[in-house]
C-alpha atoms as a PDB file:
ATOM      1  CA  MET A   1     -48.343 -74.687  56.559  1.00  0.00           C
ATOM      2  CA  VAL A   2     -46.338 -73.468  53.487  1.00  0.00           C
ATOM      3  CA  GLN A   3     -45.888 -69.524  53.134  1.00  0.00           C
ATOM      4  CA  GLU A   4     -47.233 -68.198  49.718  1.00  0.00           C
ATOM      5  CA  ARG A   5     -44.285 -67.045  47.502  1.00  0.00           C
ATOM      6  CA  PHE A   6     -45.181 -65.359  44.190  1.00  0.00           C
ATOM      7  CA  ASP A   7     -42.299 -63.957  42.696  1.00  0.00           C
ATOM      8  CA  LYS A   8     -42.421 -66.922  40.958  1.00  0.00           C
ATOM      9  CA  VAL A   9     -45.814 -66.647  39.628  1.00  0.00           C
ATOM     10  CA  THR A  10     -46.414 -65.143  36.441  1.00  0.00           C
ATOM     11  CA  VAL A  11     -49.534 -62.728  35.983  1.00  0.00           C
ATOM     12  CA  VAL A  12     -51.198 -61.354  32.726  1.00  0.00           C
ATOM     13  CA  ILE A  13     -52.351 -57.925  33.178  1.00  0.00           C
ATOM     14  CA  ALA A  14     -55.051 -56.907  30.429  1.00  0.00           C
ATOM     15  CA  ASP A  15     -56.814 -53.537  30.615  1.00  0.00           C
ATOM     16  CA  PRO A  16     -57.497 -50.702  28.114  1.00  0.00           C
ATOM     17  CA  ASP A  17     -56.651 -47.901  30.657  1.00  0.00           C
ATOM     18  CA  HIS A  18     -53.026 -47.235  31.140  1.00  0.00           C
ATOM     19  CA  LYS A  19     -53.748 -45.845  34.579  1.00  0.00           C
ATOM     20  CA  ALA A  20     -55.579 -48.763  35.670  1.00  0.00           C
ATOM     21  CA  ARG A  21     -52.585 -51.017  34.573  1.00  0.00           C
ATOM     22  CA  THR A  22     -50.178 -48.965  36.620  1.00  0.00           C
ATOM     23  CA  ILE A  23     -52.311 -49.448  39.550  1.00  0.00           C
ATOM     24  CA  ALA A  24     -52.306 -52.651  39.426  1.00  0.00           C
ATOM     25  CA  LYS A  25     -49.198 -53.496  38.490  1.00  0.00           C
ATOM     26  CA  LYS A  26     -47.805 -51.649  41.812  1.00  0.00           C
ATOM     27  CA  THR A  27     -50.651 -53.388  43.742  1.00  0.00           C
ATOM     28  CA  LEU A  28     -48.885 -56.698  42.828  1.00  0.00           C
ATOM     29  CA  ILE A  29     -45.357 -55.831  43.383  1.00  0.00           C
ATOM     30  CA  LYS A  30     -46.524 -54.539  46.411  1.00  0.00           C
ATOM     31  CA  ALA A  31     -47.826 -58.086  46.963  1.00  0.00           C
ATOM     32  CA  GLY A  32     -44.951 -59.921  46.294  1.00  0.00           C
ATOM     33  CA  PHE A  33     -45.161 -60.383  42.285  1.00  0.00           C
ATOM     34  CA  ARG A  34     -42.956 -59.974  40.314  1.00  0.00           C
ATOM     35  CA  LYS A  35     -43.322 -61.235  36.764  1.00  0.00           C
ATOM     36  CA  ILE A  36     -46.292 -58.698  35.670  1.00  0.00           C
ATOM     37  CA  LEU A  37     -47.245 -58.845  32.006  1.00  0.00           C
ATOM     38  CA  THR A  38     -49.388 -55.766  30.582  1.00  0.00           C
ATOM     39  CA  GLY A  39     -51.211 -54.997  27.925  1.00  0.00           C
ATOM     40  CA  HIS A  40     -54.309 -53.360  26.781  1.00  0.00           C
ATOM     41  CA  ASN A  41     -56.277 -55.908  24.776  1.00  0.00           C
ATOM     42  CA  LEU A  42     -57.726 -59.845  23.962  1.00  0.00           C
ATOM     43  CA  ALA A  43     -54.980 -59.715  21.313  1.00  0.00           C
ATOM     44  CA  PHE A  44     -52.053 -59.575  23.844  1.00  0.00           C
ATOM     45  CA  VAL A  45     -53.049 -61.761  26.122  1.00  0.00           C
ATOM     46  CA  LYS A  46     -53.522 -64.417  23.561  1.00  0.00           C
ATOM     47  CA  GLN A  47     -49.774 -63.418  22.194  1.00  0.00           C
ATOM     48  CA  SER A  48     -48.888 -64.051  25.952  1.00  0.00           C
ATOM     49  CA  PHE A  49     -50.313 -66.917  26.077  1.00  0.00           C
ATOM     50  CA  ASP A  50     -48.350 -68.510  22.636  1.00  0.00           C
ATOM     51  CA  VAL A  51     -44.988 -67.249  24.995  1.00  0.00           C
ATOM     52  CA  GLU A  52     -45.729 -69.259  27.941  1.00  0.00           C
ATOM     53  CA  MET A  53     -49.235 -69.487  29.592  1.00  0.00           C
ATOM     54  CA  PRO A  54     -49.213 -67.523  33.027  1.00  0.00           C
ATOM     55  CA  GLU A  55     -50.538 -68.641  36.525  1.00  0.00           C
ATOM     56  CA  LEU A  56     -53.391 -65.803  36.873  1.00  0.00           C
ATOM     57  CA  LEU A  57     -54.850 -63.710  34.530  1.00  0.00           C
ATOM     58  CA  ILE A  58     -56.697 -60.320  35.290  1.00  0.00           C
ATOM     59  CA  ALA A  59     -58.927 -58.387  33.115  1.00  0.00           C
ATOM     60  CA  GLU A  60     -60.863 -56.335  32.073  1.00  0.00           C
ATOM     61  CA  THR A  61     -64.283 -57.278  31.153  1.00  0.00           C
ATOM     62  CA  ASN A  62     -64.306 -54.402  28.688  1.00  0.00           C
ATOM     63  CA  LEU A  63     -61.653 -54.864  26.006  1.00  0.00           C
ATOM     64  CA  PRO A  64     -61.431 -53.212  22.514  1.00  0.00           C
ATOM     65  CA  ASP A  65     -61.134 -56.424  20.515  1.00  0.00           C
ATOM     66  CA  GLY A  66     -63.310 -58.831  21.769  1.00  0.00           C
ATOM     67  CA  ASP A  67     -65.987 -60.171  24.185  1.00  0.00           C
ATOM     68  CA  PHE A  68     -63.994 -61.138  27.762  1.00  0.00           C
ATOM     69  CA  SER A  69     -66.797 -63.929  28.559  1.00  0.00           C
ATOM     70  CA  GLU A  70     -66.305 -65.525  24.732  1.00  0.00           C
ATOM     71  CA  PHE A  71     -62.741 -65.556  25.594  1.00  0.00           C
ATOM     72  CA  VAL A  72     -63.203 -66.815  29.097  1.00  0.00           C
ATOM     73  CA  ASN A  73     -65.150 -69.910  27.656  1.00  0.00           C
ATOM     74  CA  ASP A  74     -63.270 -70.701  24.442  1.00  0.00           C
ATOM     75  CA  LEU A  75     -60.359 -71.013  27.329  1.00  0.00           C
ATOM     76  CA  ARG A  76     -62.327 -73.042  29.379  1.00  0.00           C
ATOM     77  CA  HIS A  77     -63.548 -74.969  26.148  1.00  0.00           C
ATOM     78  CA  HIS A  78     -59.521 -75.420  25.395  1.00  0.00           C
ATOM     79  CA  LYS A  79     -59.594 -73.473  22.382  1.00  0.00           C
ATOM     80  CA  ILE A  80     -57.193 -70.885  23.168  1.00  0.00           C
ATOM     81  CA  GLY A  81     -53.649 -71.226  25.993  1.00  0.00           C
ATOM     82  CA  ASN A  82     -52.521 -74.770  27.304  1.00  0.00           C
ATOM     83  CA  ASN A  83     -53.848 -74.730  30.586  1.00  0.00           C
ATOM     84  CA  PRO A  84     -57.525 -74.458  30.079  1.00  0.00           C
ATOM     85  CA  PHE A  85     -58.027 -74.518  34.475  1.00  0.00           C
ATOM     86  CA  LEU A  86     -56.130 -71.420  34.704  1.00  0.00           C
ATOM     87  CA  VAL A  87     -57.741 -68.995  37.211  1.00  0.00           C
ATOM     88  CA  VAL A  88     -58.641 -65.857  35.626  1.00  0.00           C
ATOM     89  CA  SER A  89     -59.750 -63.065  37.681  1.00  0.00           C
ATOM     90  CA  ALA A  90     -62.030 -60.660  36.252  1.00  0.00           C
ATOM     91  CA  LEU A  91     -61.711 -57.016  36.160  1.00  0.00           C
ATOM     92  CA  ALA A  92     -64.582 -53.791  36.177  1.00  0.00           C
ATOM     93  CA  GLU A  93     -65.024 -50.268  37.465  1.00  0.00           C
ATOM     94  CA  ASN A  94     -68.371 -50.670  39.287  1.00  0.00           C
ATOM     95  CA  PRO A  95     -69.419 -54.214  38.074  1.00  0.00           C
ATOM     96  CA  THR A  96     -73.170 -54.583  37.849  1.00  0.00           C
ATOM     97  CA  PRO A  97     -74.906 -57.552  38.693  1.00  0.00           C
ATOM     98  CA  GLU A  98     -76.181 -58.175  35.178  1.00  0.00           C
ATOM     99  CA  LEU A  99     -72.473 -58.240  34.420  1.00  0.00           C
ATOM    100  CA  VAL A 100     -71.635 -59.948  37.617  1.00  0.00           C
ATOM    101  CA  LYS A 101     -73.284 -63.137  36.424  1.00  0.00           C
ATOM    102  CA  LYS A 102     -72.270 -62.765  32.827  1.00  0.00           C
ATOM    103  CA  VAL A 103     -68.810 -63.265  33.830  1.00  0.00           C
ATOM    104  CA  ILE A 104     -69.651 -66.045  36.542  1.00  0.00           C
ATOM    105  CA  GLN A 105     -71.394 -67.810  33.618  1.00  0.00           C
ATOM    106  CA  ALA A 106     -68.609 -67.938  31.404  1.00  0.00           C
ATOM    107  CA  GLY A 107     -66.218 -70.413  33.562  1.00  0.00           C
ATOM    108  CA  ALA A 108     -63.858 -67.061  35.334  1.00  0.00           C
ATOM    109  CA  ASP A 109     -63.192 -67.435  38.561  1.00  0.00           C
ATOM    110  CA  ASP A 110     -63.514 -63.826  40.383  1.00  0.00           C
ATOM    111  CA  LEU A 111     -64.545 -60.212  39.523  1.00  0.00           C
ATOM    112  CA  LEU A 112     -62.532 -57.844  41.186  1.00  0.00           C
ATOM    113  CA  SER A 113     -63.417 -53.921  41.679  1.00  0.00           C
ATOM    114  CA  LYS A 114     -61.407 -51.398  40.562  1.00  0.00           C
ATOM    115  CA  PRO A 115     -59.361 -49.821  41.801  1.00  0.00           C
ATOM    116  CA  PHE A 116     -58.503 -52.851  43.914  1.00  0.00           C
ATOM    117  CA  ASP A 117     -56.357 -52.489  47.115  1.00  0.00           C
ATOM    118  CA  VAL A 118     -53.313 -55.247  48.048  1.00  0.00           C
ATOM    119  CA  ALA A 119     -55.191 -56.447  51.071  1.00  0.00           C
ATOM    120  CA  THR A 120     -58.037 -57.248  49.022  1.00  0.00           C
ATOM    121  CA  LEU A 121     -56.022 -58.767  46.220  1.00  0.00           C
ATOM    122  CA  MET A 122     -54.461 -61.199  48.937  1.00  0.00           C
ATOM    123  CA  ARG A 123     -57.588 -61.679  50.001  1.00  0.00           C
ATOM    124  CA  ARG A 124     -58.447 -62.897  46.708  1.00  0.00           C
ATOM    125  CA  VAL A 125     -55.583 -64.856  45.320  1.00  0.00           C
ATOM    126  CA  GLY A 126     -55.557 -66.578  48.890  1.00  0.00           C
ATOM    127  CA  ARG A 127     -59.264 -67.992  48.203  1.00  0.00           C
ATOM    128  CA  LEU A 128     -58.236 -68.650  44.790  1.00  0.00           C
ATOM    129  CA  ILE A 129     -55.637 -70.575  45.959  1.00  0.00           C
ATOM    130  CA  HIS A 130     -56.648 -72.580  49.147  1.00  0.00           C
ATOM    131  CA  GLN A 131     -60.921 -72.361  48.379  1.00  0.00           C
ATOM    132  CA  ARG A 132     -61.435 -72.372  44.699  1.00  0.00           C
ATOM    133  CA  LYS A 133     -64.603 -73.602  43.466  1.00  0.00           C
ATOM    134  CA  PRO A 134     -64.812 -77.434  42.522  1.00  0.00           C
ATOM    135  CA  PHE A 135     -65.432 -77.520  38.294  1.00  0.00           C
ATOM    136  CA  VAL A 136     -68.130 -79.236  36.279  1.00  0.00           C
ATOM    137  CA  VAL A 137     -67.809 -80.541  32.995  1.00  0.00           C
ATOM    138  CA  THR A 138     -71.000 -80.432  30.851  1.00  0.00           C
ATOM    139  CA  GLY A 139     -71.179 -80.326  26.765  1.00  0.00           C
ATOM    140  CA  ASP A 140     -71.828 -76.673  26.131  1.00  0.00           C
ATOM    141  CA  TYR A 141     -69.352 -75.567  29.966  1.00  0.00           C
ATOM    142  CA  VAL A 142     -66.661 -76.441  31.153  1.00  0.00           C
ATOM    143  CA  GLY A 143     -65.382 -74.048  34.560  1.00  0.00           C
ATOM    144  CA  PRO A 144     -66.287 -73.461  38.496  1.00  0.00           C
ATOM    145  CA  THR A 145     -69.506 -74.517  40.066  1.00  0.00           C
ATOM    146  CA  ARG A 146     -72.026 -71.786  39.137  1.00  0.00           C
ATOM    147  CA  GLN A 147     -75.702 -71.723  39.383  1.00  0.00           C
ATOM    148  CA  ALA A 148     -76.780 -74.570  37.428  1.00  0.00           C
ATOM    149  CA  LYS A 149     -78.478 -73.743  34.160  1.00  0.00           C
ATOM    150  CA  SER A 150     -79.762 -77.241  33.217  1.00  0.00           C
ATOM    151  CA  GLN A 151     -80.407 -80.278  35.087  1.00  0.00           C
ATOM    152  CA  LYS A 152     -77.635 -82.381  33.794  1.00  0.00           C
ATOM    153  CA  GLU A 153     -75.046 -79.596  34.608  1.00  0.00           C
ATOM    154  CA  ALA A 154     -76.764 -79.625  38.060  1.00  0.00           C
ATOM    155  CA  ASN A 155     -76.464 -83.455  38.507  1.00  0.00           C
ATOM    156  CA  ALA A 156     -73.166 -83.588  36.988  1.00  0.00           C
ATOM    157  CA  GLU A 157     -69.984 -84.425  39.084  1.00  0.00           C
ATOM    158  CA  GLN A 158     -68.006 -81.873  40.365  1.00  0.00           C
ATOM    159  CA  PHE A 159     -63.800 -82.255  40.353  1.00  0.00           C
ATOM    160  CA  VAL A 160     -61.319 -80.329  41.605  1.00  0.00           C
ATOM    161  CA  PRO A 161     -59.283 -78.700  38.732  1.00  0.00           C
ATOM    162  CA  PRO A 162     -55.285 -78.442  38.677  1.00  0.00           C
ATOM    163  CA  ASN A 163     -54.499 -75.134  39.889  1.00  0.00           C
ATOM    164  CA  THR A 164     -50.886 -73.833  38.369  1.00  0.00           C
ATOM    165  CA  LEU A 165     -51.566 -70.352  40.442  1.00  0.00           C
ATOM    166  CA  LYS A 166     -51.897 -72.632  44.290  1.00  0.00           C
ATOM    167  CA  ALA A 167     -49.157 -75.106  42.749  1.00  0.00           C
ATOM    168  CA  ARG A 168     -46.561 -72.498  41.761  1.00  0.00           C
ATOM    169  CA  ALA A 169     -47.425 -70.368  44.992  1.00  0.00           C
ATOM    170  CA  LEU A 170     -46.737 -72.757  47.213  1.00  0.00           C
ATOM    171  CA  ASN A 171     -43.699 -74.649  45.724  1.00  0.00           C
ATOM    172  CA  GLU A 172     -46.063 -77.736  44.472  1.00  0.00           C
ATOM    173  CA  GLY A 173     -43.727 -79.600  41.157  1.00  0.00           C
ATOM    174  CA  SER A 174     -41.915 -78.784  39.039  1.00  0.00           C
ATOM    175  CA  VAL A 175     -42.952 -76.549  35.667  1.00  0.00           C
ATOM    176  CA  ASP A 176     -43.237 -80.753  33.855  1.00  0.00           C
ATOM    177  CA  GLU A 177     -44.796 -82.389  37.060  1.00  0.00           C
ATOM    178  CA  VAL A 178     -47.664 -79.300  36.942  1.00  0.00           C
ATOM    179  CA  GLN A 179     -48.234 -79.315  32.897  1.00  0.00           C
ATOM    180  CA  ALA A 180     -48.428 -83.489  32.505  1.00  0.00           C
ATOM    181  CA  MET A 181     -51.233 -82.656  35.874  1.00  0.00           C
ATOM    182  CA  VAL A 182     -52.899 -80.364  33.553  1.00  0.00           C
ATOM    183  CA  ASP A 183     -52.686 -82.598  30.732  1.00  0.00           C
ATOM    184  CA  ALA A 184     -54.273 -85.019  32.251  1.00  0.00           C
ATOM    185  CA  ALA A 185     -57.255 -83.793  33.704  1.00  0.00           C
ATOM    186  CA  ILE A 186     -58.242 -81.895  30.116  1.00  0.00           C
ATOM    187  CA  ARG A 187     -58.360 -85.474  28.593  1.00  0.00           C
ATOM    188  CA  SER A 188     -60.506 -86.231  31.717  1.00  0.00           C
ATOM    189  CA  VAL A 189     -62.391 -83.369  30.825  1.00  0.00           C
ATOM    190  CA  ASN A 190     -62.695 -84.144  27.130  1.00  0.00           C
ATOM    191  CA  THR A 191     -64.238 -87.967  28.127  1.00  0.00           C
ATOM    192  CA  LYS A 192     -66.878 -85.607  30.315  1.00  0.00           C
ATOM    193  CA  ALA A 193     -67.166 -83.234  27.773  1.00  0.00           C
ATOM    194  CA  LEU A 194     -67.963 -85.856  24.872  1.00  0.00           C
ATOM    195  CA  GLU A 195     -69.988 -88.409  26.894  1.00  0.00           C
ATOM    196  CA  SER A 196     -72.180 -84.912  27.956  1.00  0.00           C
ATOM    197  CA  HIS A 197     -72.199 -84.237  23.972  1.00  0.00           C
ATOM    198  CA  ALA A 198     -73.680 -87.981  23.179  1.00  0.00           C
ATOM    199  CA  ASP A 199     -76.691 -88.029  25.433  1.00  0.00           C
ATOM    200  CA  ASP A 200     -77.610 -84.202  24.221  1.00  0.00           C
ATOM    201  CA  ILE A 201     -77.305 -85.933  20.378  1.00  0.00           C
ATOM    202  CA  ASN A 202     -79.409 -88.259  20.943  1.00  0.00           C
ATOM    203  CA  GLU A 203     -82.101 -86.518  22.929  1.00  0.00           C
ATOM    204  CA  LEU A 204     -81.510 -83.356  20.243  1.00  0.00           C
ATOM    205  CA  VAL A 205     -82.156 -86.709  17.208  1.00  0.00           C
ATOM    206  CA  THR A 206     -85.242 -88.108  19.283  1.00  0.00           C
ATOM    207  CA  ILE A 207     -86.675 -84.225  19.369  1.00  0.00           C
ATOM    208  CA  VAL A 208     -86.484 -83.429  16.250  1.00  0.00           C
ATOM    209  CA  THR A 209     -86.904 -86.308  14.065  1.00  0.00           C
ATOM    210  CA  PRO A 210     -90.541 -86.478  14.222  1.00  0.00           C
ATOM    211  CA  ARG A 211     -90.595 -82.771  13.759  1.00  0.00           C
ATOM    212  CA  LEU A 212     -88.510 -82.815  10.562  1.00  0.00           C
ATOM    213  CA  THR A 213     -90.271 -86.155   9.471  1.00  0.00           C
ATOM    214  CA  THR A 214     -94.155 -84.446   9.154  1.00  0.00           C
ATOM    215  CA  GLY A 215     -92.920 -80.826   7.671  1.00  0.00           C
ATOM    216  CA  GLN A 216     -92.426 -78.979  10.753  1.00  0.00           C
ATOM    217  CA  VAL A 217     -88.988 -76.937  10.637  1.00  0.00           C
ATOM    218  CA  ASP A 218     -90.270 -74.655  13.130  1.00  0.00           C
ATOM    219  CA  ALA A 219     -87.577 -72.202  15.537  1.00  0.00           C
ATOM    220  CA  THR A 220     -87.932 -75.456  17.812  1.00  0.00           C
ATOM    221  CA  ALA A 221     -86.867 -77.796  15.035  1.00  0.00           C
ATOM    222  CA  ARG A 222     -83.996 -75.054  14.117  1.00  0.00           C
ATOM    223  CA  LEU A 223     -82.500 -74.790  17.723  1.00  0.00           C
ATOM    224  CA  CYS A 224     -82.362 -78.898  18.021  1.00  0.00           C
ATOM    225  CA  LEU A 225     -80.683 -78.506  14.887  1.00  0.00           C
ATOM    226  CA  ASP A 226     -77.903 -75.792  15.901  1.00  0.00           C
ATOM    227  CA  ARG A 227     -77.434 -77.624  18.968  1.00  0.00           C
ATOM    228  CA  LEU A 228     -76.931 -80.882  17.350  1.00  0.00           C
ATOM    229  CA  ARG A 229     -74.387 -79.320  14.757  1.00  0.00           C
ATOM    230  CA  TYR A 230     -72.311 -77.447  17.919  1.00  0.00           C
ATOM    231  CA  ALA A 231     -72.057 -80.712  19.775  1.00  0.00           C
ATOM    232  CA  ALA A 232     -70.713 -82.537  16.831  1.00  0.00           C
ATOM    233  CA  GLU A 233     -68.311 -80.181  16.049  1.00  0.00           C
ATOM    234  CA  ASP A 234     -67.207 -79.935  19.962  1.00  0.00           C
ATOM    235  CA  ALA A 235     -67.273 -83.727  19.866  1.00  0.00           C
ATOM    236  CA  ASN A 236     -65.315 -84.240  16.983  1.00  0.00           C
ATOM    237  CA  ARG A 237     -62.808 -81.194  17.973  1.00  0.00           C
ATOM    238  CA  ARG A 238     -62.300 -83.213  21.175  1.00  0.00           C
ATOM    239  CA  LEU A 239     -62.084 -87.164  20.292  1.00  0.00           C
ATOM    240  CA  ASP A 240     -58.817 -87.155  18.506  1.00  0.00           C
ATOM    241  CA  GLY A 241     -56.504 -89.541  21.151  1.00  0.00           C
ATOM    242  CA  THR A 242     -59.446 -90.617  23.386  1.00  0.00           C
ATOM    243  CA  GLN A 243     -60.722 -93.782  23.618  1.00  0.00           C
ATOM    244  CA  TYR A 244     -63.570 -92.766  21.407  1.00  0.00           C
ATOM    245  CA  ASP A 245     -61.740 -91.483  18.549  1.00  0.00           C
ATOM    246  CA  HIS A 246     -63.563 -93.963  16.259  1.00  0.00           C
ATOM    247  CA  VAL A 247     -66.756 -92.047  16.419  1.00  0.00           C
ATOM    248  CA  SER A 248     -64.903 -89.189  14.902  1.00  0.00           C
ATOM    249  CA  GLU A 249     -65.863 -89.936  11.348  1.00  0.00           C
ATOM    250  CA  LEU A 250     -69.843 -90.224  12.387  1.00  0.00           C
ATOM    251  CA  CYS A 251     -70.104 -87.130  13.936  1.00  0.00           C
ATOM    252  CA  GLN A 252     -68.876 -85.417  10.822  1.00  0.00           C
ATOM    253  CA  THR A 253     -71.108 -87.097   8.578  1.00  0.00           C
ATOM    254  CA  LEU A 254     -74.199 -86.361  11.590  1.00  0.00           C
ATOM    255  CA  LEU A 255     -72.644 -82.959  11.093  1.00  0.00           C
ATOM    256  CA  GLY A 256     -73.058 -83.251   7.047  1.00  0.00           C
ATOM    257  CA  ILE A 257     -76.384 -83.923   7.287  1.00  0.00           C
ATOM    258  CA  VAL A 258     -77.161 -81.130   9.909  1.00  0.00           C
ATOM    259  CA  ASN A 259     -76.070 -78.630   7.906  1.00  0.00           C
ATOM    260  CA  ASN A 260     -78.290 -80.323   4.857  1.00  0.00           C
ATOM    261  CA  ILE A 261     -81.112 -79.783   6.812  1.00  0.00           C
ATOM    262  CA  ARG A 262     -80.566 -76.489   8.308  1.00  0.00           C
ATOM    263  CA  ASN A 263     -79.279 -75.030   5.027  1.00  0.00           C
ATOM    264  CA  SER A 264     -82.584 -76.646   3.148  1.00  0.00           C
ATOM    265  CA  GLY A 265     -85.353 -73.694   3.520  1.00  0.00           C
ATOM    266  CA  GLY A 266     -87.478 -75.354   5.724  1.00  0.00           C
ATOM    267  CA  VAL A 267     -87.356 -78.531   2.972  1.00  0.00           C
ATOM    268  CA  PRO A 268     -84.935 -81.068   3.969  1.00  0.00           C
ATOM    269  CA  VAL A 269     -84.136 -83.870   1.827  1.00  0.00           C
ATOM    270  CA  ALA A 270     -86.066 -87.098   3.424  1.00  0.00           C
ATOM    271  CA  ARG A 271     -83.395 -89.353   3.037  1.00  0.00           C
ATOM    272  CA  ASP A 272     -80.980 -87.330   5.483  1.00  0.00           C
ATOM    273  CA  VAL A 273     -83.904 -86.543   7.949  1.00  0.00           C
ATOM    274  CA  GLN A 274     -83.875 -90.401   8.004  1.00  0.00           C
ATOM    275  CA  LEU A 275     -80.683 -91.417   8.356  1.00  0.00           C
ATOM    276  CA  LEU A 276     -80.608 -88.965  11.763  1.00  0.00           C
ATOM    277  CA  THR A 277     -81.839 -92.225  13.591  1.00  0.00           C
ATOM    278  CA  PRO A 278     -79.424 -94.940  12.497  1.00  0.00           C
ATOM    279  CA  LEU A 279     -76.442 -92.152  12.674  1.00  0.00           C
ATOM    280  CA  ASN A 280     -77.657 -91.507  16.299  1.00  0.00           C
ATOM    281  CA  LYS A 281     -78.101 -95.407  16.977  1.00  0.00           C
ATOM    282  CA  ALA A 282     -74.376 -95.520  15.577  1.00  0.00           C
ATOM    283  CA  ILE A 283     -73.012 -92.969  17.591  1.00  0.00           C
ATOM    284  CA  GLN A 284     -74.462 -93.738  21.110  1.00  0.00           C
ATOM    285  CA  LEU A 285     -73.035 -97.470  20.335  1.00  0.00           C
ATOM    286  CA  GLY A 286     -69.705 -95.474  19.927  1.00  0.00           C
ATOM    287  CA  PHE A 287     -69.118 -93.889  22.932  1.00  0.00           C
ATOM    288  CA  ASP A 288     -70.462 -96.880  25.208  1.00  0.00           C
ATOM    289  CA  LYS A 289     -68.057 -98.032  27.669  1.00  0.00           C
ATOM    290  CA  ASN A 290     -69.142-101.702  27.806  1.00  0.00           C
ATOM    291  CA  ALA A 291     -69.528-101.812  23.995  1.00  0.00           C
ATOM    292  CA  ASP A 292     -66.619-104.260  22.040  1.00  0.00           C
ATOM    293  CA  VAL A 293     -65.245-101.752  20.067  1.00  0.00           C
ATOM    294  CA  ALA A 294     -64.865-103.662  16.771  1.00  0.00           C
ATOM    295  CA  SER A 295     -68.482-103.926  16.813  1.00  0.00           C
ATOM    296  CA  ALA A 296     -68.946-100.712  17.238  1.00  0.00           C
ATOM    297  CA  ARG A 297     -66.217-100.203  14.344  1.00  0.00           C
ATOM    298  CA  GLN A 298     -68.042-102.720  12.123  1.00  0.00           C
ATOM    299  CA  ILE A 299     -71.240-101.046  12.489  1.00  0.00           C
ATOM    300  CA  THR A 300     -70.083 -97.343  12.167  1.00  0.00           C
ATOM    301  CA  GLN A 301     -68.180 -98.246   8.314  1.00  0.00           C
ATOM    302  CA  ALA A 302     -72.320-100.319   7.829  1.00  0.00           C
ATOM    303  CA  ILE A 303     -73.156 -97.142   8.921  1.00  0.00           C
ATOM    304  CA  LEU A 304     -71.322 -95.152   6.830  1.00  0.00           C
ATOM    305  CA  VAL A 305     -71.859 -97.238   3.334  1.00  0.00           C
ATOM    306  CA  GLN A 306     -75.647 -96.661   3.496  1.00  0.00           C
ATOM    307  CA  VAL A 307     -74.950 -92.412   4.376  1.00  0.00           C
ATOM    308  CA  ARG A 308     -73.171 -92.754   0.752  1.00  0.00           C
ATOM    309  CA  GLY A 309     -74.765 -95.227  -0.446  1.00  0.00           C
END
């Protein structure tokens, strides 16, 4: 069995408590880590990502300039950095069950209690190298398997994410080879997320259209519209360079119509409501793996002419 070496592993530590940062750094050095960057907030973490993505992030959950759970969610959705599969260990002093659940639900790999010793650190790192949880992808979650929040998530296919911590500690491939592995996984995640968004759009349009047609812009309709807006926005963000990039204009159009309805003050324009169904049908065709792309593009253009007419 190859012995782990941590002298080439880059670690970022973020903690507003200077003493806690110092203790954490000394503990990492004792464990064999040498490339250690320390800072006190999320801004530092983001800046460090711009220079070089680490293989391990250890961050206090209570940072002064943002919500750490939201940061992890953005990281997993590839809105920050170039590796959404980064190994993330949260830090907390006397963590409550509620905090543990929030952090893990956001997509973190682990949560360490402060202060931690070398033995505890090495057990956790060893587990993250050799027994890391598989990931799942839905429209609104990318991350380690967790207590599923929906049936879709429970049924989602699990996959082994690229583990750059393992690759660096065990010397498995060059920097370029490891990044190529990450990039390939990002493309796969984008495809899975887009297909999940297509299902969500179909379900939400089916639910909300009858309610809007009868003038029921109630809490359920508003929730559906907000979820539709998220699905259209995130799908559009992920489409470039995928096999579904021809659906981008449809998602942008859907987003505009959803915003019109959401901002209508409870009295949506009838034409906007009527366009939801044909737009949804065109989007479903665009995401159909078995559909002819040329035919799908023709139908897309026909729908867009109808929308703009």
